Structures are given as C-alpha cells and as structure tokens.
Amino acid sequence: MSRFQLTDLVIDGTRVDNVVLNKANFDNVSLEGSTFNNINMKEVIFVDVAFHGATFRDVSLSGVTISDADITGLVINGFNIEELIRAKS
C-alpha cells in the first residue's frame, strides 16, 4: 500500500511491526508514551519536535547535528551538556 493517507485518527495502544515508512511525513502527531525498538532513523529530519523527558538508550548519535535547540537539562552518558557548554563559554 503506497501513498496511503490517515487523517484525524486515534489508534491508541496500536502495535506496528515490520513496517516500512520510508519518506513518510508525520505532521501534528502525538507519540507520547510510545516505545521505539530496533528503528532505522537514518537521514530523518526533526523540526519543531518536543523530546522533553525522552530517554535514548543504546543509540548511535554519530553524525547527528543539533541546532537551535533548548538543551536545558540535556544529559549524555552522565554529563550535563548544558553545563559543559556554559563552562566553555
């Protein structure tokens, strides 16, 4: 199924397995409380996304660029990034 469109849909508690969503566009979507396992996010672009309280474990952040971001309380491997940047300034 390609070029499929879902609009104004509530599917709480849904499980999605073995799905390809290449070049998909998600706009005004709530994924609060969701869990992502074994997900390929290569070359994905996040714009105006809230990751407040999110946890990233066993992830590859190689080659990641973060710009125009609120990094208040951002901790990576136990290091408070906000404090490290402030100390360098």
N, C-alpha and C. Protein backbone atom coordinates (compact mmCIF):
# COMPACT_ATOMS: atom_id res chain seq x y z
N MET A 1 0.85 -1.16 0.00
CA MET A 1 0.00 0.00 0.00
C MET A 1 0.91 1.23 0.00
N SER A 2 0.87 2.04 -1.02
CA SER A 2 1.67 3.25 -1.05
C SER A 2 0.77 4.46 -1.25
N ARG A 3 1.31 5.62 -0.86
CA ARG A 3 0.55 6.87 -0.93
C ARG A 3 -0.76 6.81 -0.14
N PHE A 4 -0.70 6.13 0.99
CA PHE A 4 -1.85 5.96 1.89
C PHE A 4 -1.90 7.15 2.83
N GLN A 5 -3.07 7.70 3.11
CA GLN A 5 -3.18 8.86 3.98
C GLN A 5 -4.15 8.58 5.11
N LEU A 6 -3.71 8.89 6.34
CA LEU A 6 -4.56 8.77 7.52
C LEU A 6 -4.72 10.17 8.11
N THR A 7 -5.94 10.59 8.34
CA THR A 7 -6.21 11.93 8.86
C THR A 7 -7.20 11.84 10.00
N ASP A 8 -6.98 12.65 11.06
CA ASP A 8 -7.89 12.71 12.21
C ASP A 8 -8.21 11.31 12.74
N LEU A 9 -7.16 10.59 13.10
CA LEU A 9 -7.29 9.19 13.51
C LEU A 9 -6.74 9.00 14.91
N VAL A 10 -7.44 8.27 15.74
CA VAL A 10 -6.96 7.91 17.08
C VAL A 10 -6.82 6.39 17.10
N ILE A 11 -5.57 5.93 17.31
CA ILE A 11 -5.32 4.48 17.35
C ILE A 11 -4.45 4.14 18.56
N ASP A 12 -4.89 4.62 19.74
CA ASP A 12 -4.17 4.36 20.98
C ASP A 12 -3.94 2.87 21.18
N GLY A 13 -2.76 2.52 21.69
CA GLY A 13 -2.46 1.13 22.02
C GLY A 13 -2.15 0.26 20.82
N THR A 14 -2.00 0.85 19.66
CA THR A 14 -1.74 0.08 18.44
C THR A 14 -0.31 -0.45 18.43
N ARG A 15 -0.11 -1.64 17.92
CA ARG A 15 1.22 -2.23 17.75
C ARG A 15 1.52 -2.29 16.26
N VAL A 16 2.69 -1.80 15.88
CA VAL A 16 3.10 -1.78 14.47
C VAL A 16 4.41 -2.55 14.37
N ASP A 17 4.42 -3.64 13.60
CA ASP A 17 5.60 -4.48 13.43
C ASP A 17 5.94 -4.63 11.95
N ASN A 18 7.25 -4.67 11.66
CA ASN A 18 7.75 -4.95 10.31
C ASN A 18 7.07 -4.08 9.25
N VAL A 19 7.14 -2.75 9.46
CA VAL A 19 6.51 -1.80 8.56
C VAL A 19 7.58 -0.89 7.96
N VAL A 20 7.45 -0.59 6.68
CA VAL A 20 8.34 0.34 6.01
C VAL A 20 7.58 1.64 5.80
N LEU A 21 8.12 2.72 6.37
CA LEU A 21 7.51 4.04 6.24
C LEU A 21 8.50 5.03 5.63
N ASN A 22 9.31 4.57 4.68
CA ASN A 22 10.30 5.43 4.05
C ASN A 22 9.63 6.64 3.42
N LYS A 23 10.27 7.80 3.59
CA LYS A 23 9.82 9.07 3.02
C LYS A 23 8.42 9.46 3.49
N ALA A 24 8.00 8.97 4.65
CA ALA A 24 6.70 9.33 5.21
C ALA A 24 6.77 10.72 5.82
N ASN A 25 5.65 11.39 5.91
CA ASN A 25 5.56 12.72 6.51
C ASN A 25 4.59 12.64 7.69
N PHE A 26 5.08 12.99 8.88
CA PHE A 26 4.25 13.00 10.08
C PHE A 26 4.08 14.45 10.49
N ASP A 27 2.86 14.94 10.54
CA ASP A 27 2.59 16.33 10.89
C ASP A 27 1.52 16.38 11.97
N ASN A 28 1.82 17.10 13.06
CA ASN A 28 0.88 17.24 14.16
C ASN A 28 0.47 15.88 14.73
N VAL A 29 1.47 15.06 15.04
CA VAL A 29 1.26 13.70 15.53
C VAL A 29 1.71 13.60 16.98
N SER A 30 0.93 12.94 17.82
CA SER A 30 1.32 12.70 19.21
C SER A 30 1.76 11.25 19.34
N LEU A 31 3.01 11.07 19.79
CA LEU A 31 3.55 9.73 20.04
C LEU A 31 3.90 9.60 21.51
N GLU A 32 3.26 10.42 22.34
CA GLU A 32 3.55 10.44 23.78
C GLU A 32 3.40 9.06 24.39
N GLY A 33 4.42 8.65 25.17
CA GLY A 33 4.39 7.36 25.85
C GLY A 33 4.70 6.18 24.95
N SER A 34 5.06 6.43 23.70
CA SER A 34 5.35 5.35 22.76
C SER A 34 6.75 4.79 22.99
N THR A 35 6.98 3.58 22.54
CA THR A 35 8.29 2.94 22.61
C THR A 35 8.71 2.56 21.20
N PHE A 36 9.97 2.88 20.88
CA PHE A 36 10.52 2.53 19.57
C PHE A 36 11.67 1.57 19.80
N ASN A 37 11.62 0.38 19.22
CA ASN A 37 12.68 -0.62 19.33
C ASN A 37 13.16 -1.01 17.94
N ASN A 38 14.48 -1.11 17.78
CA ASN A 38 15.08 -1.55 16.52
C ASN A 38 14.55 -0.74 15.34
N ILE A 39 14.69 0.59 15.44
CA ILE A 39 14.16 1.51 14.43
C ILE A 39 15.32 2.13 13.65
N ASN A 40 15.20 2.19 12.34
CA ASN A 40 16.18 2.84 11.47
C ASN A 40 15.72 4.28 11.26
N MET A 41 16.47 5.25 11.83
CA MET A 41 16.12 6.67 11.70
C MET A 41 17.19 7.40 10.89
N LYS A 42 17.91 6.70 10.02
CA LYS A 42 18.95 7.33 9.22
C LYS A 42 18.34 8.40 8.33
N GLU A 43 19.01 9.56 8.29
CA GLU A 43 18.64 10.69 7.44
C GLU A 43 17.24 11.23 7.72
N VAL A 44 16.76 11.08 8.96
CA VAL A 44 15.47 11.61 9.36
C VAL A 44 15.66 13.05 9.82
N ILE A 45 14.70 13.90 9.56
CA ILE A 45 14.75 15.29 9.96
C ILE A 45 13.64 15.55 10.97
N PHE A 46 14.02 16.13 12.12
CA PHE A 46 13.05 16.50 13.15
C PHE A 46 12.98 18.03 13.19
N VAL A 47 11.81 18.60 13.03
CA VAL A 47 11.61 20.04 13.10
C VAL A 47 10.46 20.31 14.06
N ASP A 48 10.67 21.21 15.00
CA ASP A 48 9.65 21.59 15.98
C ASP A 48 9.10 20.35 16.70
N VAL A 49 10.02 19.57 17.27
CA VAL A 49 9.68 18.33 17.96
C VAL A 49 10.03 18.47 19.44
N ALA A 50 9.15 18.02 20.31
CA ALA A 50 9.40 18.06 21.75
C ALA A 50 9.85 16.68 22.22
N PHE A 51 11.09 16.59 22.68
CA PHE A 51 11.62 15.35 23.25
C PHE A 51 11.71 15.46 24.77
N HIS A 52 10.99 16.40 25.37
CA HIS A 52 11.04 16.63 26.82
C HIS A 52 10.76 15.33 27.57
N GLY A 53 11.71 14.94 28.43
CA GLY A 53 11.54 13.73 29.24
C GLY A 53 11.80 12.43 28.48
N ALA A 54 12.24 12.53 27.23
CA ALA A 54 12.52 11.32 26.44
C ALA A 54 13.81 10.66 26.92
N THR A 55 13.91 9.36 26.73
CA THR A 55 15.11 8.60 27.06
C THR A 55 15.61 7.89 25.81
N PHE A 56 16.89 8.04 25.53
CA PHE A 56 17.52 7.35 24.41
C PHE A 56 18.54 6.39 25.00
N ARG A 57 18.40 5.10 24.75
CA ARG A 57 19.33 4.09 25.26
C ARG A 57 19.86 3.26 24.11
N ASP A 58 21.14 2.93 24.18
CA ASP A 58 21.78 2.10 23.17
C ASP A 58 21.52 2.64 21.76
N VAL A 59 21.79 3.95 21.57
CA VAL A 59 21.55 4.60 20.29
C VAL A 59 22.86 5.06 19.67
N SER A 60 22.90 5.14 18.38
CA SER A 60 24.04 5.72 17.67
C SER A 60 23.68 7.16 17.34
N LEU A 61 24.48 8.09 17.86
CA LEU A 61 24.29 9.51 17.54
C LEU A 61 25.44 10.01 16.67
N SER A 62 26.15 9.11 16.02
CA SER A 62 27.26 9.52 15.17
C SER A 62 26.73 10.32 13.99
N GLY A 63 27.37 11.44 13.72
CA GLY A 63 26.98 12.27 12.59
C GLY A 63 25.72 13.10 12.83
N VAL A 64 25.20 13.12 14.05
CA VAL A 64 23.99 13.88 14.36
C VAL A 64 24.34 15.35 14.51
N THR A 65 23.52 16.21 13.95
CA THR A 65 23.66 17.65 14.10
C THR A 65 22.45 18.18 14.84
N ILE A 66 22.70 18.95 15.90
CA ILE A 66 21.63 19.56 16.67
C ILE A 66 21.83 21.07 16.61
N SER A 67 20.82 21.80 16.16
CA SER A 67 20.94 23.26 16.08
C SER A 67 19.65 23.91 16.57
N ASP A 68 19.79 25.13 17.06
CA ASP A 68 18.65 25.90 17.57
C ASP A 68 17.82 25.07 18.55
N ALA A 69 18.51 24.42 19.49
CA ALA A 69 17.85 23.51 20.43
C ALA A 69 17.91 24.03 21.86
N ASP A 70 16.86 23.80 22.61
CA ASP A 70 16.86 24.06 24.05
C ASP A 70 17.48 22.83 24.69
N ILE A 71 18.68 22.97 25.25
CA ILE A 71 19.38 21.82 25.84
C ILE A 71 19.34 21.85 27.36
N THR A 72 18.38 22.57 27.92
CA THR A 72 18.24 22.64 29.37
C THR A 72 18.10 21.23 29.95
N GLY A 73 19.03 20.85 30.81
CA GLY A 73 18.97 19.54 31.45
C GLY A 73 19.38 18.37 30.58
N LEU A 74 19.94 18.62 29.38
CA LEU A 74 20.37 17.54 28.49
C LEU A 74 21.55 16.82 29.11
N VAL A 75 21.42 15.51 29.31
CA VAL A 75 22.48 14.70 29.90
C VAL A 75 22.81 13.57 28.92
N ILE A 76 24.10 13.45 28.61
CA ILE A 76 24.57 12.37 27.74
C ILE A 76 25.64 11.61 28.49
N ASN A 77 25.42 10.33 28.68
CA ASN A 77 26.35 9.46 29.40
C ASN A 77 26.77 10.06 30.74
N GLY A 78 25.82 10.65 31.45
CA GLY A 78 26.07 11.19 32.77
C GLY A 78 26.62 12.62 32.79
N PHE A 79 26.89 13.21 31.64
CA PHE A 79 27.42 14.57 31.56
C PHE A 79 26.32 15.55 31.19
N ASN A 80 26.16 16.60 32.00
CA ASN A 80 25.18 17.64 31.72
C ASN A 80 25.76 18.53 30.63
N ILE A 81 25.24 18.43 29.43
CA ILE A 81 25.77 19.13 28.25
C ILE A 81 25.60 20.64 28.40
N GLU A 82 24.47 21.05 28.93
CA GLU A 82 24.25 22.49 29.13
C GLU A 82 25.35 23.09 29.99
N GLU A 83 25.69 22.43 31.08
CA GLU A 83 26.74 22.92 31.98
C GLU A 83 28.11 22.90 31.31
N LEU A 84 28.40 21.86 30.53
CA LEU A 84 29.68 21.79 29.83
C LEU A 84 29.83 22.93 28.83
N ILE A 85 28.78 23.22 28.10
CA ILE A 85 28.84 24.31 27.12
C ILE A 85 28.98 25.65 27.82
N ARG A 86 28.23 25.82 28.90
CA ARG A 86 28.31 27.07 29.67
C ARG A 86 29.73 27.27 30.20
N ALA A 87 30.37 26.21 30.67
CA ALA A 87 31.73 26.29 31.21
C ALA A 87 32.75 26.66 30.11
N LYS A 88 32.49 26.26 28.88
CA LYS A 88 33.38 26.56 27.76
C LYS A 88 33.22 27.99 27.26
N SER A 89 32.08 28.60 27.55
CA SER A 89 31.80 29.97 27.04
C SER A 89 32.53 31.03 27.81
